[in-house]
């Protein structure tokens, strides 16, 4: 059991994705290194704060455009909810590459349309 707990802790800490756990009251209880890299706050700064810390309201729409986000409700051994875990991945580079490919495709289609006689 101790080895399993150690392994779970290492997986959470070593993943580049942001992993955040909040209890039923919305208070952050776990904040990994990926969350620090993505959102800026250290675990010591984030834990004990509410989920509003993740993204200030004024930045939410713009920020989430480049983040894949999944959330799962966690239950205790008694089946009752104990909180939720959020896993976030920065997809800025992928979205930028998609944008470049769409632009390139549009350019190629426009070139082809100009070259094709009516």
PDB file of N, CA and C in Angstrom:
ATOM      1  N   UNK A   1       0.827  -1.198   0.000  1.00  0.00           N
ATOM      2  CA  UNK A   1       0.000   0.000   0.000  1.00  0.00           C
ATOM      3  C   UNK A   1       0.867   1.256   0.000  1.00  0.00           C
ATOM      4  N   UNK A   2       1.948   1.219   0.772  1.00  0.00           N
ATOM      5  CA  UNK A   2       2.839   2.373   0.846  1.00  0.00           C
ATOM      6  C   UNK A   2       3.477   2.653  -0.517  1.00  0.00           C
ATOM      7  N   UNK A   3       3.854   1.581  -1.230  1.00  0.00           N
ATOM      8  CA  UNK A   3       4.452   1.753  -2.557  1.00  0.00           C
ATOM      9  C   UNK A   3       3.434   2.343  -3.528  1.00  0.00           C
ATOM     10  N   UNK A   4       2.184   1.931  -3.424  1.00  0.00           N
ATOM     11  CA  UNK A   4       1.137   2.457  -4.293  1.00  0.00           C
ATOM     12  C   UNK A   4       0.906   3.939  -4.030  1.00  0.00           C
ATOM     13  N   UNK A   5       0.862   4.324  -2.767  1.00  0.00           N
ATOM     14  CA  UNK A   5       0.681   5.740  -2.416  1.00  0.00           C
ATOM     15  C   UNK A   5       1.846   6.565  -2.948  1.00  0.00           C
ATOM     16  N   UNK A   6       3.071   6.036  -2.814  1.00  0.00           N
ATOM     17  CA  UNK A   6       4.249   6.739  -3.322  1.00  0.00           C
ATOM     18  C   UNK A   6       4.145   6.901  -4.836  1.00  0.00           C
ATOM     19  N   UNK A   7       3.755   5.827  -5.525  1.00  0.00           N
ATOM     20  CA  UNK A   7       3.648   5.860  -6.980  1.00  0.00           C
ATOM     21  C   UNK A   7       2.590   6.869  -7.433  1.00  0.00           C
ATOM     22  N   UNK A   8       1.450   6.875  -6.775  1.00  0.00           N
ATOM     23  CA  UNK A   8       0.394   7.836  -7.123  1.00  0.00           C
ATOM     24  C   UNK A   8       0.891   9.266  -6.940  1.00  0.00           C
ATOM     25  N   UNK A   9       1.566   9.510  -5.845  1.00  0.00           N
ATOM     26  CA  UNK A   9       2.099  10.853  -5.571  1.00  0.00           C
ATOM     27  C   UNK A   9       3.094  11.262  -6.657  1.00  0.00           C
ATOM     28  N   UNK A  10       3.999  10.344  -7.033  1.00  0.00           N
ATOM     29  CA  UNK A  10       5.008  10.650  -8.058  1.00  0.00           C
ATOM     30  C   UNK A  10       4.338  10.926  -9.403  1.00  0.00           C
ATOM     31  N   UNK A  11       3.326  10.137  -9.762  1.00  0.00           N
ATOM     32  CA  UNK A  11       2.646  10.359 -11.042  1.00  0.00           C
ATOM     33  C   UNK A  11       2.011  11.741 -11.078  1.00  0.00           C
ATOM     34  N   UNK A  12       1.379  12.132  -9.993  1.00  0.00           N
ATOM     35  CA  UNK A  12       0.749  13.456  -9.936  1.00  0.00           C
ATOM     36  C   UNK A  12       1.798  14.551 -10.021  1.00  0.00           C
ATOM     37  N   UNK A  13       2.888  14.385  -9.313  1.00  0.00           N
ATOM     38  CA  UNK A  13       3.918  15.424  -9.291  1.00  0.00           C
ATOM     39  C   UNK A  13       4.705  15.509 -10.591  1.00  0.00           C
ATOM     40  N   UNK A  14       4.925  14.404 -11.256  1.00  0.00           N
ATOM     41  CA  UNK A  14       5.796  14.388 -12.434  1.00  0.00           C
ATOM     42  C   UNK A  14       5.078  14.688 -13.745  1.00  0.00           C
ATOM     43  N   UNK A  15       3.757  14.581 -13.782  1.00  0.00           N
ATOM     44  CA  UNK A  15       3.055  14.860 -15.036  1.00  0.00           C
ATOM     45  C   UNK A  15       3.162  16.346 -15.375  1.00  0.00           C
ATOM     46  N   UNK A  16       3.340  16.670 -16.654  1.00  0.00           N
ATOM     47  CA  UNK A  16       3.388  18.083 -17.029  1.00  0.00           C
ATOM     48  C   UNK A  16       2.014  18.750 -17.006  1.00  0.00           C
ATOM     49  N   UNK A  17       0.952  17.956 -16.978  1.00  0.00           N
ATOM     50  CA  UNK A  17      -0.397  18.518 -16.899  1.00  0.00           C
ATOM     51  C   UNK A  17      -0.632  19.098 -15.512  1.00  0.00           C
ATOM     52  N   UNK A  18      -1.478  20.105 -15.452  1.00  0.00           N
ATOM     53  CA  UNK A  18      -1.866  20.678 -14.163  1.00  0.00           C
ATOM     54  C   UNK A  18      -2.888  19.748 -13.520  1.00  0.00           C
ATOM     55  N   UNK A  19      -2.643  19.368 -12.271  1.00  0.00           N
ATOM     56  CA  UNK A  19      -3.577  18.538 -11.513  1.00  0.00           C
ATOM     57  C   UNK A  19      -3.917  19.293 -10.236  1.00  0.00           C
ATOM     58  N   UNK A  20      -5.217  19.546 -10.056  1.00  0.00           N
ATOM     59  CA  UNK A  20      -5.690  20.308  -8.898  1.00  0.00           C
ATOM     60  C   UNK A  20      -6.843  19.534  -8.268  1.00  0.00           C
ATOM     61  N   UNK A  21      -6.769  19.338  -6.959  1.00  0.00           N
ATOM     62  CA  UNK A  21      -7.878  18.728  -6.225  1.00  0.00           C
ATOM     63  C   UNK A  21      -8.456  19.764  -5.284  1.00  0.00           C
ATOM     64  N   UNK A  22      -9.785  19.870  -5.296  1.00  0.00           N
ATOM     65  CA  UNK A  22     -10.486  20.762  -4.369  1.00  0.00           C
ATOM     66  C   UNK A  22     -11.525  19.951  -3.606  1.00  0.00           C
ATOM     67  N   UNK A  23     -11.684  20.282  -2.336  1.00  0.00           N
ATOM     68  CA  UNK A  23     -12.668  19.575  -1.518  1.00  0.00           C
ATOM     69  C   UNK A  23     -14.084  20.034  -1.860  1.00  0.00           C
ATOM     70  N   UNK A  24     -15.066  19.512  -1.141  1.00  0.00           N
ATOM     71  CA  UNK A  24     -16.475  19.823  -1.445  1.00  0.00           C
ATOM     72  C   UNK A  24     -16.798  21.298  -1.305  1.00  0.00           C
ATOM     73  N   UNK A  25     -16.023  22.009  -0.514  1.00  0.00           N
ATOM     74  CA  UNK A  25     -16.255  23.445  -0.337  1.00  0.00           C
ATOM     75  C   UNK A  25     -15.545  24.282  -1.393  1.00  0.00           C
ATOM     76  N   UNK A  26     -14.829  23.623  -2.309  1.00  0.00           N
ATOM     77  CA  UNK A  26     -14.121  24.353  -3.354  1.00  0.00           C
ATOM     78  C   UNK A  26     -12.775  24.887  -2.919  1.00  0.00           C
ATOM     79  N   UNK A  27     -12.241  24.341  -1.832  1.00  0.00           N
ATOM     80  CA  UNK A  27     -10.932  24.764  -1.333  1.00  0.00           C
ATOM     81  C   UNK A  27      -9.872  23.838  -1.924  1.00  0.00           C
ATOM     82  N   UNK A  28      -8.843  24.420  -2.492  1.00  0.00           N
ATOM     83  CA  UNK A  28      -7.768  23.653  -3.123  1.00  0.00           C
ATOM     84  C   UNK A  28      -6.968  22.932  -2.046  1.00  0.00           C
ATOM     85  N   UNK A  29      -6.804  21.614  -2.234  1.00  0.00           N
ATOM     86  CA  UNK A  29      -6.057  20.785  -1.280  1.00  0.00           C
ATOM     87  C   UNK A  29      -4.817  20.159  -1.907  1.00  0.00           C
ATOM     88  N   UNK A  30      -4.782  20.082  -3.241  1.00  0.00           N
ATOM     89  CA  UNK A  30      -3.616  19.531  -3.933  1.00  0.00           C
ATOM     90  C   UNK A  30      -3.377  20.357  -5.183  1.00  0.00           C
ATOM     91  N   UNK A  31      -2.112  20.668  -5.434  1.00  0.00           N
ATOM     92  CA  UNK A  31      -1.711  21.535  -6.554  1.00  0.00           C
ATOM     93  C   UNK A  31      -0.343  21.039  -6.989  1.00  0.00           C
ATOM     94  N   UNK A  32      -0.244  20.450  -8.172  1.00  0.00           N
ATOM     95  CA  UNK A  32       1.029  19.860  -8.566  1.00  0.00           C
ATOM     96  C   UNK A  32       1.943  20.851  -9.293  1.00  0.00           C
ATOM     97  N   UNK A  33       3.128  20.354  -9.668  1.00  0.00           N
ATOM     98  CA  UNK A  33       4.111  21.197 -10.361  1.00  0.00           C
ATOM     99  C   UNK A  33       3.582  21.665 -11.719  1.00  0.00           C
ATOM    100  N   UNK A  34       2.787  20.835 -12.393  1.00  0.00           N
ATOM    101  CA  UNK A  34       2.189  21.244 -13.664  1.00  0.00           C
ATOM    102  C   UNK A  34       1.249  22.428 -13.493  1.00  0.00           C
ATOM    103  N   UNK A  35       0.525  22.465 -12.371  1.00  0.00           N
ATOM    104  CA  UNK A  35      -0.353  23.604 -12.087  1.00  0.00           C
ATOM    105  C   UNK A  35       0.473  24.858 -11.853  1.00  0.00           C
ATOM    106  N   UNK A  36       1.604  24.706 -11.165  1.00  0.00           N
ATOM    107  CA  UNK A  36       2.485  25.857 -10.954  1.00  0.00           C
ATOM    108  C   UNK A  36       2.997  26.374 -12.294  1.00  0.00           C
ATOM    109  N   UNK A  37       3.441  25.461 -13.164  1.00  0.00           N
ATOM    110  CA  UNK A  37       3.971  25.870 -14.467  1.00  0.00           C
ATOM    111  C   UNK A  37       2.902  26.565 -15.313  1.00  0.00           C
ATOM    112  N   UNK A  38       1.667  26.069 -15.271  1.00  0.00           N
ATOM    113  CA  UNK A  38       0.606  26.626 -16.100  1.00  0.00           C
ATOM    114  C   UNK A  38      -0.001  27.889 -15.507  1.00  0.00           C
ATOM    115  N   UNK A  39      -0.162  27.908 -14.183  1.00  0.00           N
ATOM    116  CA  UNK A  39      -0.941  28.969 -13.553  1.00  0.00           C
ATOM    117  C   UNK A  39      -0.120  29.920 -12.691  1.00  0.00           C
ATOM    118  N   UNK A  40       1.118  29.536 -12.366  1.00  0.00           N
ATOM    119  CA  UNK A  40       2.021  30.468 -11.698  1.00  0.00           C
ATOM    120  C   UNK A  40       2.166  30.342 -10.201  1.00  0.00           C
ATOM    121  N   UNK A  41       1.143  29.909  -9.502  1.00  0.00           N
ATOM    122  CA  UNK A  41       1.221  29.837  -8.046  1.00  0.00           C
ATOM    123  C   UNK A  41       1.877  28.537  -7.598  1.00  0.00           C
ATOM    124  N   UNK A  42       2.611  28.601  -6.492  1.00  0.00           N
ATOM    125  CA  UNK A  42       3.184  27.395  -5.914  1.00  0.00           C
ATOM    126  C   UNK A  42       2.101  26.635  -5.172  1.00  0.00           C
ATOM    127  N   UNK A  43       2.391  25.408  -4.818  1.00  0.00           N
ATOM    128  CA  UNK A  43       1.452  24.602  -4.045  1.00  0.00           C
ATOM    129  C   UNK A  43       1.144  25.275  -2.715  1.00  0.00           C
ATOM    130  N   UNK A  44       2.170  25.806  -2.057  1.00  0.00           N
ATOM    131  CA  UNK A  44       1.957  26.490  -0.774  1.00  0.00           C
ATOM    132  C   UNK A  44       1.043  27.698  -0.933  1.00  0.00           C
ATOM    133  N   UNK A  45       1.176  28.419  -2.047  1.00  0.00           N
ATOM    134  CA  UNK A  45       0.330  29.589  -2.286  1.00  0.00           C
ATOM    135  C   UNK A  45      -1.104  29.193  -2.635  1.00  0.00           C
ATOM    136  N   UNK A  46      -1.264  28.104  -3.385  1.00  0.00           N
ATOM    137  CA  UNK A  46      -2.583  27.723  -3.883  1.00  0.00           C
ATOM    138  C   UNK A  46      -3.417  26.945  -2.867  1.00  0.00           C
ATOM    139  N   UNK A  47      -2.790  26.016  -2.167  1.00  0.00           N
ATOM    140  CA  UNK A  47      -3.547  25.180  -1.231  1.00  0.00           C
ATOM    141  C   UNK A  47      -4.135  26.047  -0.122  1.00  0.00           C
ATOM    142  N   UNK A  48      -5.413  25.826   0.126  1.00  0.00           N
ATOM    143  CA  UNK A  48      -6.138  26.630   1.103  1.00  0.00           C
ATOM    144  C   UNK A  48      -6.935  27.754   0.464  1.00  0.00           C
ATOM    145  N   UNK A  49      -6.646  28.060  -0.809  1.00  0.00           N
ATOM    146  CA  UNK A  49      -7.393  29.084  -1.546  1.00  0.00           C
ATOM    147  C   UNK A  49      -8.598  28.425  -2.227  1.00  0.00           C
ATOM    148  N   UNK A  50      -9.515  29.251  -2.707  1.00  0.00           N
ATOM    149  CA  UNK A  50     -10.660  28.701  -3.436  1.00  0.00           C
ATOM    150  C   UNK A  50     -10.302  28.513  -4.906  1.00  0.00           C
ATOM    151  N   UNK A  51     -11.158  27.808  -5.604  1.00  0.00           N
ATOM    152  CA  UNK A  51     -10.921  27.538  -7.024  1.00  0.00           C
ATOM    153  C   UNK A  51     -10.877  28.788  -7.885  1.00  0.00           C
ATOM    154  N   UNK A  52     -11.375  29.911  -7.390  1.00  0.00           N
ATOM    155  CA  UNK A  52     -11.291  31.164  -8.148  1.00  0.00           C
ATOM    156  C   UNK A  52      -9.845  31.531  -8.452  1.00  0.00           C
ATOM    157  N   UNK A  53      -8.915  30.982  -7.691  1.00  0.00           N
ATOM    158  CA  UNK A  53      -7.494  31.251  -7.909  1.00  0.00           C
ATOM    159  C   UNK A  53      -7.035  30.728  -9.267  1.00  0.00           C
ATOM    160  N   UNK A  54      -7.642  29.647  -9.738  1.00  0.00           N
ATOM    161  CA  UNK A  54      -7.160  29.022 -10.974  1.00  0.00           C
ATOM    162  C   UNK A  54      -7.118  30.035 -12.110  1.00  0.00           C
ATOM    163  N   UNK A  55      -8.211  30.712 -12.357  1.00  0.00           N
ATOM    164  CA  UNK A  55      -8.235  31.750 -13.383  1.00  0.00           C
ATOM    165  C   UNK A  55      -9.094  32.896 -12.864  1.00  0.00           C
ATOM    166  N   UNK A  56      -8.503  34.074 -12.720  1.00  0.00           N
ATOM    167  CA  UNK A  56      -9.325  35.218 -12.327  1.00  0.00           C
ATOM    168  C   UNK A  56     -10.446  35.418 -13.348  1.00  0.00           C
ATOM    169  N   UNK A  57     -11.602  35.846 -12.894  1.00  0.00           N
ATOM    170  CA  UNK A  57     -12.789  35.948 -13.752  1.00  0.00           C
ATOM    171  C   UNK A  57     -12.528  36.749 -15.024  1.00  0.00           C
ATOM    172  N   UNK A  58     -11.775  37.845 -14.933  1.00  0.00           N
ATOM    173  CA  UNK A  58     -11.567  38.704 -16.098  1.00  0.00           C
ATOM    174  C   UNK A  58     -10.759  38.015 -17.201  1.00  0.00           C
ATOM    175  N   UNK A  59     -10.033  36.925 -16.869  1.00  0.00           N
ATOM    176  CA  UNK A  59      -9.202  36.242 -17.861  1.00  0.00           C
ATOM    177  C   UNK A  59      -9.765  34.899 -18.304  1.00  0.00           C
ATOM    178  N   UNK A  60     -10.873  34.468 -17.744  1.00  0.00           N
ATOM    179  CA  UNK A  60     -11.343  33.098 -17.964  1.00  0.00           C
ATOM    180  C   UNK A  60     -11.581  32.758 -19.422  1.00  0.00           C
ATOM    181  N   UNK A  61     -12.317  33.546 -20.151  1.00  0.00           N
ATOM    182  CA  UNK A  61     -12.647  33.194 -21.530  1.00  0.00           C
ATOM    183  C   UNK A  61     -11.395  33.078 -22.382  1.00  0.00           C
ATOM    184  N   UNK A  62     -10.534  34.072 -22.331  1.00  0.00           N
ATOM    185  CA  UNK A  62      -9.333  34.060 -23.166  1.00  0.00           C
ATOM    186  C   UNK A  62      -8.403  32.917 -22.776  1.00  0.00           C
ATOM    187  N   UNK A  63      -8.218  32.684 -21.502  1.00  0.00           N
ATOM    188  CA  UNK A  63      -7.276  31.664 -21.056  1.00  0.00           C
ATOM    189  C   UNK A  63      -7.717  30.264 -21.464  1.00  0.00           C
ATOM    190  N   UNK A  64      -8.987  29.952 -21.301  1.00  0.00           N
ATOM    191  CA  UNK A  64      -9.447  28.590 -21.537  1.00  0.00           C
ATOM    192  C   UNK A  64      -9.435  28.210 -23.007  1.00  0.00           C
ATOM    193  N   UNK A  65      -9.262  29.155 -23.913  1.00  0.00           N
ATOM    194  CA  UNK A  65      -9.198  28.821 -25.331  1.00  0.00           C
ATOM    195  C   UNK A  65      -8.007  27.927 -25.643  1.00  0.00           C
ATOM    196  N   UNK A  66      -6.961  27.969 -24.840  1.00  0.00           N
ATOM    197  CA  UNK A  66      -5.751  27.197 -25.099  1.00  0.00           C
ATOM    198  C   UNK A  66      -5.515  26.125 -24.035  1.00  0.00           C
ATOM    199  N   UNK A  67      -6.575  25.720 -23.350  1.00  0.00           N
ATOM    200  CA  UNK A  67      -6.451  24.724 -22.293  1.00  0.00           C
ATOM    201  C   UNK A  67      -7.504  23.640 -22.493  1.00  0.00           C
ATOM    202  N   UNK A  68      -7.044  22.386 -22.504  1.00  0.00           N
ATOM    203  CA  UNK A  68      -7.978  21.266 -22.442  1.00  0.00           C
ATOM    204  C   UNK A  68      -8.208  20.991 -20.971  1.00  0.00           C
ATOM    205  N   UNK A  69      -9.440  20.758 -20.608  1.00  0.00           N
ATOM    206  CA  UNK A  69      -9.811  20.700 -19.202  1.00  0.00           C
ATOM    207  C   UNK A  69     -10.719  19.502 -18.981  1.00  0.00           C
ATOM    208  N   UNK A  70     -10.378  18.667 -18.017  1.00  0.00           N
ATOM    209  CA  UNK A  70     -11.298  17.594 -17.632  1.00  0.00           C
ATOM    210  C   UNK A  70     -11.434  17.612 -16.120  1.00  0.00           C
ATOM    211  N   UNK A  71     -12.594  17.209 -15.661  1.00  0.00           N
ATOM    212  CA  UNK A  71     -12.867  17.237 -14.232  1.00  0.00           C
ATOM    213  C   UNK A  71     -13.609  15.960 -13.856  1.00  0.00           C
ATOM    214  N   UNK A  72     -13.311  15.463 -12.672  1.00  0.00           N
ATOM    215  CA  UNK A  72     -13.994  14.271 -12.167  1.00  0.00           C
ATOM    216  C   UNK A  72     -14.334  14.474 -10.701  1.00  0.00           C
ATOM    217  N   UNK A  73     -15.537  14.097 -10.349  1.00  0.00           N
ATOM    218  CA  UNK A  73     -15.940  14.145  -8.948  1.00  0.00           C
ATOM    219  C   UNK A  73     -15.387  12.897  -8.277  1.00  0.00           C
ATOM    220  N   UNK A  74     -14.791  13.069  -7.115  1.00  0.00           N
ATOM    221  CA  UNK A  74     -14.226  11.946  -6.374  1.00  0.00           C
ATOM    222  C   UNK A  74     -15.111  11.620  -5.182  1.00  0.00           C
ATOM    223  N   UNK A  75     -15.282  10.324  -4.947  1.00  0.00           N
ATOM    224  CA  UNK A  75     -16.096   9.865  -3.828  1.00  0.00           C
ATOM    225  C   UNK A  75     -15.216   9.152  -2.811  1.00  0.00           C
ATOM    226  N   UNK A  76     -15.609   9.249  -1.558  1.00  0.00           N
ATOM    227  CA  UNK A  76     -14.917   8.534  -0.496  1.00  0.00           C
ATOM    228  C   UNK A  76     -15.349   7.075  -0.459  1.00  0.00           C
ATOM    229  N   UNK A  77     -14.775   6.316   0.472  1.00  0.00           N
ATOM    230  CA  UNK A  77     -15.123   4.905   0.611  1.00  0.00           C
ATOM    231  C   UNK A  77     -16.607   4.701   0.899  1.00  0.00           C
ATOM    232  N   UNK A  78     -17.243   5.702   1.493  1.00  0.00           N
ATOM    233  CA  UNK A  78     -18.673   5.616   1.809  1.00  0.00           C
ATOM    234  C   UNK A  78     -19.563   5.985   0.621  1.00  0.00           C
ATOM    235  N   UNK A  79     -18.951   6.344  -0.514  1.00  0.00           N
ATOM    236  CA  UNK A  79     -19.707   6.695  -1.705  1.00  0.00           C
ATOM    237  C   UNK A  79     -20.124   8.148  -1.789  1.00  0.00           C
ATOM    238  N   UNK A  80     -19.844   8.907  -0.751  1.00  0.00           N
ATOM    239  CA  UNK A  80     -20.207  10.323  -0.746  1.00  0.00           C
ATOM    240  C   UNK A  80     -19.113  11.160  -1.400  1.00  0.00           C
ATOM    241  N   UNK A  81     -19.482  12.247  -2.075  1.00  0.00           N
ATOM    242  CA  UNK A  81     -18.475  13.100  -2.721  1.00  0.00           C
ATOM    243  C   UNK A  81     -17.525  13.714  -1.690  1.00  0.00           C
ATOM    244  N   UNK A  82     -16.239  13.697  -2.032  1.00  0.00           N
ATOM    245  CA  UNK A  82     -15.235  14.334  -1.170  1.00  0.00           C
ATOM    246  C   UNK A  82     -14.618  15.551  -1.844  1.00  0.00           C
ATOM    247  N   UNK A  83     -14.829  15.674  -3.140  1.00  0.00           N
ATOM    248  CA  UNK A  83     -14.266  16.805  -3.869  1.00  0.00           C
ATOM    249  C   UNK A  83     -14.174  16.489  -5.346  1.00  0.00           C
ATOM    250  N   UNK A  84     -13.344  17.250  -6.020  1.00  0.00           N
ATOM    251  CA  UNK A  84     -13.189  17.076  -7.465  1.00  0.00           C
ATOM    252  C   UNK A  84     -11.734  17.290  -7.849  1.00  0.00           C
ATOM    253  N   UNK A  85     -11.324  16.563  -8.868  1.00  0.00           N
ATOM    254  CA  UNK A  85      -9.991  16.745  -9.418  1.00  0.00           C
ATOM    255  C   UNK A  85     -10.142  17.328 -10.818  1.00  0.00           C
ATOM    256  N   UNK A  86      -9.324  18.324 -11.104  1.00  0.00           N
ATOM    257  CA  UNK A  86      -9.286  18.934 -12.432  1.00  0.00           C
ATOM    258  C   UNK A  86      -7.914  18.666 -13.029  1.00  0.00           C
ATOM    259  N   UNK A  87      -7.899  18.264 -14.277  1.00  0.00           N
ATOM    260  CA  UNK A  87      -6.649  18.049 -14.999  1.00  0.00           C
ATOM    261  C   UNK A  87      -6.690  18.957 -16.216  1.00  0.00           C
ATOM    262  N   UNK A  88      -5.665  19.799 -16.325  1.00  0.00           N
ATOM    263  CA  UNK A  88      -5.616  20.794 -17.393  1.00  0.00           C
ATOM    264  C   UNK A  88      -4.337  20.622 -18.204  1.00  0.00           C
ATOM    265  N   UNK A  89      -4.465  20.795 -19.514  1.00  0.00           N
ATOM    266  CA  UNK A  89      -3.311  20.682 -20.408  1.00  0.00           C
ATOM    267  C   UNK A  89      -3.258  21.921 -21.288  1.00  0.00           C
ATOM    268  N   UNK A  90      -2.100  22.540 -21.332  1.00  0.00           N
ATOM    269  CA  UNK A  90      -1.897  23.704 -22.195  1.00  0.00           C
ATOM    270  C   UNK A  90      -1.736  23.210 -23.628  1.00  0.00           C
ATOM    271  N   UNK A  91      -2.632  23.624 -24.488  1.00  0.00           N
ATOM    272  CA  UNK A  91      -2.600  23.202 -25.890  1.00  0.00           C
ATOM    273  C   UNK A  91      -2.335  24.386 -26.814  1.00  0.00           C
ATOM    274  N   UNK A  92      -1.675  25.402 -26.298  1.00  0.00           N
ATOM    275  CA  UNK A  92      -1.379  26.601 -27.080  1.00  0.00           C
ATOM    276  C   UNK A  92      -0.634  26.253 -28.364  1.00  0.00           C
ATOM    277  N   UNK A  93       0.422  25.445 -28.261  1.00  0.00           N
ATOM    278  CA  UNK A  93       1.231  25.109 -29.436  1.00  0.00           C
ATOM    279  C   UNK A  93       0.401  24.356 -30.473  1.00  0.00           C
ATOM    280  N   UNK A  94      -0.432  23.424 -30.021  1.00  0.00           N
ATOM    281  CA  UNK A  94      -1.265  22.665 -30.954  1.00  0.00           C
ATOM    282  C   UNK A  94      -2.281  23.570 -31.634  1.00  0.00           C
ATOM    283  N   UNK A  95      -2.897  24.459 -30.881  1.00  0.00           N
ATOM    284  CA  UNK A  95      -3.881  25.376 -31.472  1.00  0.00           C
ATOM    285  C   UNK A  95      -3.216  26.314 -32.479  1.00  0.00           C
ATOM    286  N   UNK A  96      -2.005  26.760 -32.159  1.00  0.00           N
ATOM    287  CA  UNK A  96      -1.276  27.641 -33.080  1.00  0.00           C
ATOM    288  C   UNK A  96      -0.926  26.894 -34.367  1.00  0.00           C
ATOM    289  N   UNK A  97      -0.490  25.652 -34.240  1.00  0.00           N
ATOM    290  CA  UNK A  97      -0.179  24.847 -35.419  1.00  0.00           C
ATOM    291  C   UNK A  97      -1.440  24.614 -36.256  1.00  0.00           C
ATOM    292  N   UNK A  98      -2.562  24.335 -35.616  1.00  0.00           N
ATOM    293  CA  UNK A  98      -3.833  24.182 -36.340  1.00  0.00           C
ATOM    294  C   UNK A  98      -4.180  25.460 -37.100  1.00  0.00           C
ATOM    295  N   UNK A  99      -3.992  26.602 -36.455  1.00  0.00           N
ATOM    296  CA  UNK A  99      -4.281  27.885 -37.098  1.00  0.00           C
ATOM    297  C   UNK A  99      -3.400  28.076 -38.325  1.00  0.00           C
ATOM    298  N   UNK A 100      -2.097  27.783 -38.194  1.00  0.00           N
ATOM    299  CA  UNK A 100      -1.173  27.919 -39.324  1.00  0.00           C
ATOM    300  C   UNK A 100      -1.574  26.991 -40.475  1.00  0.00           C
ATOM    301  N   UNK A 101      -1.962  25.767 -40.153  1.00  0.00           N
ATOM    302  CA  UNK A 101      -2.372  24.824 -41.193  1.00  0.00           C
ATOM    303  C   UNK A 101      -3.638  25.290 -41.903  1.00  0.00           C
ATOM    304  N   UNK A 102      -4.600  25.820 -41.150  1.00  0.00           N
ATOM    305  CA  UNK A 102      -5.827  26.342 -41.776  1.00  0.00           C
ATOM    306  C   UNK A 102      -5.506  27.510 -42.702  1.00  0.00           C
ATOM    307  N   UNK A 103      -4.605  28.398 -42.264  1.00  0.00           N
ATOM    308  CA  UNK A 103      -4.208  29.530 -43.108  1.00  0.00           C
ATOM    309  C   UNK A 103      -3.524  29.040 -44.378  1.00  0.00           C
ATOM    310  N   UNK A 104      -2.647  28.057 -44.247  1.00  0.00           N
ATOM    311  CA  UNK A 104      -1.933  27.516 -45.403  1.00  0.00           C
ATOM    312  C   UNK A 104      -2.913  26.869 -46.381  1.00  0.00           C
ATOM    313  N   UNK A 105      -3.867  26.114 -45.840  1.00  0.00           N
ATOM    314  CA  UNK A 105      -4.872  25.482 -46.683  1.00  0.00           C
ATOM    315  C   UNK A 105      -5.704  26.528 -47.421  1.00  0.00           C
ATOM    316  N   UNK A 106      -6.098  27.577 -46.738  1.00  0.00           N
ATOM    317  CA  UNK A 106      -6.879  28.646 -47.373  1.00  0.00           C
ATOM    318  C   UNK A 106      -6.077  29.300 -48.495  1.00  0.00           C
ATOM    319  N   UNK A 107      -4.786  29.508 -48.261  1.00  0.00           N
ATOM    320  CA  UNK A 107      -3.919  30.098 -49.286  1.00  0.00           C
ATOM    321  C   UNK A 107      -3.830  29.180 -50.502  1.00  0.00           C
ATOM    322  N   UNK A 108      -3.619  27.884 -50.261  1.00  0.00           N
ATOM    323  CA  UNK A 108      -3.527  26.927 -51.368  1.00  0.00           C
ATOM    324  C   UNK A 108      -4.836  26.850 -52.151  1.00  0.00           C
ATOM    325  N   UNK A 109      -5.958  26.858 -51.448  1.00  0.00           N
ATOM    326  CA  UNK A 109      -7.256  26.817 -52.125  1.00  0.00           C
ATOM    327  C   UNK A 109      -7.482  28.082 -52.951  1.00  0.00           C
ATOM    328  N   UNK A 110      -7.087  29.225 -52.423  1.00  0.00           N
ATOM    329  CA  UNK A 110      -7.234  30.485 -53.164  1.00  0.00           C
ATOM    330  C   UNK A 110      -6.347  30.476 -54.404  1.00  0.00           C
ATOM    331  N   UNK A 111      -5.107  29.985 -54.264  1.00  0.00           N
ATOM    332  CA  UNK A 111      -4.203  29.891 -55.411  1.00  0.00           C
ATOM    333  C   UNK A 111      -4.786  28.972 -56.482  1.00  0.00           C
ATOM    334  N   UNK A 112      -5.325  27.853 -56.060  1.00  0.00           N
ATOM    335  CA  UNK A 112      -5.895  26.897 -57.010  1.00  0.00           C
ATOM    336  C   UNK A 112      -7.109  27.498 -57.720  1.00  0.00           C
ATOM    337  N   UNK A 113      -7.928  28.224 -56.988  1.00  0.00           N
ATOM    338  CA  UNK A 113      -9.118  28.852 -57.589  1.00  0.00           C
ATOM    339  C   UNK A 113      -8.711  29.876 -58.644  1.00  0.00           C
ATOM    340  N   UNK A 114      -7.622  30.610 -58.393  1.00  0.00           N
ATOM    341  CA  UNK A 114      -7.152  31.601 -59.368  1.00  0.00           C
ATOM    342  C   UNK A 114      -6.581  30.927 -60.610  1.00  0.00           C
ATOM    343  N   UNK A 115      -5.982  29.746 -60.440  1.00  0.00           N
ATOM    344  CA  UNK A 115      -5.352  29.049 -61.561  1.00  0.00           C
ATOM    345  C   UNK A 115      -6.347  28.250 -62.400  1.00  0.00           C
ATOM    346  N   UNK A 116      -7.488  27.925 -61.831  1.00  0.00           N
ATOM    347  CA  UNK A 116      -8.483  27.113 -62.535  1.00  0.00           C
ATOM    348  C   UNK A 116      -9.359  28.015 -63.395  1.00  0.00           C
ATOM    349  N   UNK A 117      -9.408  27.732 -64.706  1.00  0.00           N
ATOM    350  CA  UNK A 117     -10.260  28.564 -65.573  1.00  0.00           C
ATOM    351  C   UNK A 117     -11.737  28.345 -65.237  1.00  0.00           C
ATOM    352  N   UNK A 118     -12.541  29.400 -65.437  1.00  0.00           N
ATOM    353  CA  UNK A 118     -13.990  29.294 -65.147  1.00  0.00           C
ATOM    354  C   UNK A 118     -14.728  28.370 -66.060  1.00  0.00           C
TER     355      UNK A 118
END
